[in-house]
């Protein structure tokens, strides 16, 4: 299965909205999650990168993801890291 990585701008439960970062093709979910974590670390852990099912309509010309199920459950729980607190309703980062 193929996956897309997006920078999360808002969340509601396990649904996320955000901006496309890149696709993760021909790999496992675990490798996509690992790549998301490495992408976050490369950006000083200031970004929240979510793994979603591949969305072939997301490109550099059309980068907005308007709602998708988050597959990496490591960040579905609320958090407050100084960059914004997540809630049960759509919350912007």
C-alpha atoms as a PDB file:
ATOM      1  CA  UNK A   1       0.000   0.000   0.000  1.00  0.00           C
ATOM      2  CA  UNK A   2       1.126   3.561  -0.653  1.00  0.00           C
ATOM      3  CA  UNK A   3       0.884   6.429   1.805  1.00  0.00           C
ATOM      4  CA  UNK A   4       1.050  10.224   1.864  1.00  0.00           C
ATOM      5  CA  UNK A   5       2.697  12.349   4.528  1.00  0.00           C
ATOM      6  CA  UNK A   6       0.992  15.611   5.413  1.00  0.00           C
ATOM      7  CA  UNK A   7       1.844  18.454   7.760  1.00  0.00           C
ATOM      8  CA  UNK A   8      -1.139  18.655  10.092  1.00  0.00           C
ATOM      9  CA  UNK A   9      -2.875  22.006  10.411  1.00  0.00           C
ATOM     10  CA  UNK A  10      -5.960  20.798  12.315  1.00  0.00           C
ATOM     11  CA  UNK A  11      -7.427  17.622  13.710  1.00  0.00           C
ATOM     12  CA  UNK A  12     -10.710  16.110  14.866  1.00  0.00           C
ATOM     13  CA  UNK A  13     -10.402  12.705  16.492  1.00  0.00           C
ATOM     14  CA  UNK A  14      -8.434  10.616  14.018  1.00  0.00           C
ATOM     15  CA  UNK A  15      -9.282  12.911  11.066  1.00  0.00           C
ATOM     16  CA  UNK A  16      -6.638  15.407   9.953  1.00  0.00           C
ATOM     17  CA  UNK A  17      -6.420  18.377   7.632  1.00  0.00           C
ATOM     18  CA  UNK A  18      -3.112  19.670   6.387  1.00  0.00           C
ATOM     19  CA  UNK A  19      -0.603  20.291   3.650  1.00  0.00           C
ATOM     20  CA  UNK A  20       0.974  17.562   1.530  1.00  0.00           C
ATOM     21  CA  UNK A  21       4.661  16.900   2.202  1.00  0.00           C
ATOM     22  CA  UNK A  22       5.377  13.848   0.041  1.00  0.00           C
ATOM     23  CA  UNK A  23       4.201  10.379  -0.876  1.00  0.00           C
ATOM     24  CA  UNK A  24       5.672   7.214   0.604  1.00  0.00           C
ATOM     25  CA  UNK A  25       5.399   4.581  -2.127  1.00  0.00           C
ATOM     26  CA  UNK A  26       5.646   0.801  -1.960  1.00  0.00           C
ATOM     27  CA  UNK A  27       6.520   0.592   1.700  1.00  0.00           C
ATOM     28  CA  UNK A  28       4.869  -0.621   4.882  1.00  0.00           C
ATOM     29  CA  UNK A  29       2.838   1.519   7.261  1.00  0.00           C
ATOM     30  CA  UNK A  30       5.633   1.123   9.800  1.00  0.00           C
ATOM     31  CA  UNK A  31       8.223   2.517   7.379  1.00  0.00           C
ATOM     32  CA  UNK A  32       5.887   5.421   6.525  1.00  0.00           C
ATOM     33  CA  UNK A  33       5.511   6.203  10.248  1.00  0.00           C
ATOM     34  CA  UNK A  34       9.288   6.026  10.684  1.00  0.00           C
ATOM     35  CA  UNK A  35       9.724   8.443   7.768  1.00  0.00           C
ATOM     36  CA  UNK A  36       7.144  10.808   9.331  1.00  0.00           C
ATOM     37  CA  UNK A  37       9.053  10.775  12.628  1.00  0.00           C
ATOM     38  CA  UNK A  38      12.352  11.454  10.826  1.00  0.00           C
ATOM     39  CA  UNK A  39      10.719  14.328   8.935  1.00  0.00           C
ATOM     40  CA  UNK A  40       9.492  15.819  12.224  1.00  0.00           C
ATOM     41  CA  UNK A  41      12.958  15.465  13.772  1.00  0.00           C
ATOM     42  CA  UNK A  42      14.596  17.102  10.739  1.00  0.00           C
ATOM     43  CA  UNK A  43      12.306  20.094  11.350  1.00  0.00           C
ATOM     44  CA  UNK A  44      13.158  20.419  15.043  1.00  0.00           C
ATOM     45  CA  UNK A  45       9.991  18.552  16.089  1.00  0.00           C
ATOM     46  CA  UNK A  46       8.000  21.716  15.395  1.00  0.00           C
ATOM     47  CA  UNK A  47       5.843  20.052  12.730  1.00  0.00           C
ATOM     48  CA  UNK A  48       3.264  17.337  13.159  1.00  0.00           C
ATOM     49  CA  UNK A  49       3.531  14.954  10.205  1.00  0.00           C
ATOM     50  CA  UNK A  50       0.659  12.497   9.747  1.00  0.00           C
ATOM     51  CA  UNK A  51       0.532   9.333   7.657  1.00  0.00           C
ATOM     52  CA  UNK A  52      -2.619   8.934   5.558  1.00  0.00           C
ATOM     53  CA  UNK A  53      -3.645   6.627   2.709  1.00  0.00           C
ATOM     54  CA  UNK A  54      -2.076   7.830  -0.512  1.00  0.00           C
ATOM     55  CA  UNK A  55      -3.981  10.711  -2.034  1.00  0.00           C
ATOM     56  CA  UNK A  56      -2.870  11.045  -5.648  1.00  0.00           C
ATOM     57  CA  UNK A  57      -4.573  14.438  -6.015  1.00  0.00           C
ATOM     58  CA  UNK A  58      -2.132  16.017  -3.551  1.00  0.00           C
ATOM     59  CA  UNK A  59       0.778  17.682  -5.368  1.00  0.00           C
ATOM     60  CA  UNK A  60       2.897  20.786  -5.080  1.00  0.00           C
ATOM     61  CA  UNK A  61       0.248  22.530  -7.206  1.00  0.00           C
ATOM     62  CA  UNK A  62      -2.623  21.271  -5.026  1.00  0.00           C
ATOM     63  CA  UNK A  63      -1.140  20.636  -1.561  1.00  0.00           C
ATOM     64  CA  UNK A  64      -4.222  21.033   0.695  1.00  0.00           C
ATOM     65  CA  UNK A  65      -5.634  17.904   2.293  1.00  0.00           C
ATOM     66  CA  UNK A  66      -9.117  18.758   3.520  1.00  0.00           C
ATOM     67  CA  UNK A  67      -9.706  15.715   5.675  1.00  0.00           C
ATOM     68  CA  UNK A  68      -8.310  12.209   5.860  1.00  0.00           C
ATOM     69  CA  UNK A  69      -8.035   9.403   8.381  1.00  0.00           C
ATOM     70  CA  UNK A  70      -4.762   9.455  10.282  1.00  0.00           C
ATOM     71  CA  UNK A  71      -3.154   6.011  10.169  1.00  0.00           C
ATOM     72  CA  UNK A  72      -0.327   6.628  12.632  1.00  0.00           C
ATOM     73  CA  UNK A  73      -2.050   6.539  16.004  1.00  0.00           C
ATOM     74  CA  UNK A  74       0.927   7.931  17.918  1.00  0.00           C
ATOM     75  CA  UNK A  75      -0.552  11.456  17.768  1.00  0.00           C
ATOM     76  CA  UNK A  76      -4.306  10.937  17.923  1.00  0.00           C
ATOM     77  CA  UNK A  77      -4.314  11.771  21.632  1.00  0.00           C
ATOM     78  CA  UNK A  78      -4.463  15.433  22.741  1.00  0.00           C
ATOM     79  CA  UNK A  79      -1.161  17.192  23.363  1.00  0.00           C
ATOM     80  CA  UNK A  80       0.154  20.595  24.255  1.00  0.00           C
ATOM     81  CA  UNK A  81       3.715  21.156  23.117  1.00  0.00           C
ATOM     82  CA  UNK A  82       3.775  24.944  23.070  1.00  0.00           C
ATOM     83  CA  UNK A  83       2.672  25.078  19.431  1.00  0.00           C
ATOM     84  CA  UNK A  84      -1.034  24.670  20.127  1.00  0.00           C
ATOM     85  CA  UNK A  85      -3.337  22.379  22.035  1.00  0.00           C
ATOM     86  CA  UNK A  86      -5.453  19.796  20.295  1.00  0.00           C
ATOM     87  CA  UNK A  87      -9.081  19.263  21.243  1.00  0.00           C
ATOM     88  CA  UNK A  88     -11.953  17.019  20.237  1.00  0.00           C
ATOM     89  CA  UNK A  89     -13.235  19.498  17.663  1.00  0.00           C
ATOM     90  CA  UNK A  90     -11.269  20.835  14.669  1.00  0.00           C
ATOM     91  CA  UNK A  91      -8.427  22.768  16.201  1.00  0.00           C
ATOM     92  CA  UNK A  92      -5.953  24.783  14.175  1.00  0.00           C
ATOM     93  CA  UNK A  93      -2.283  24.463  14.926  1.00  0.00           C
END
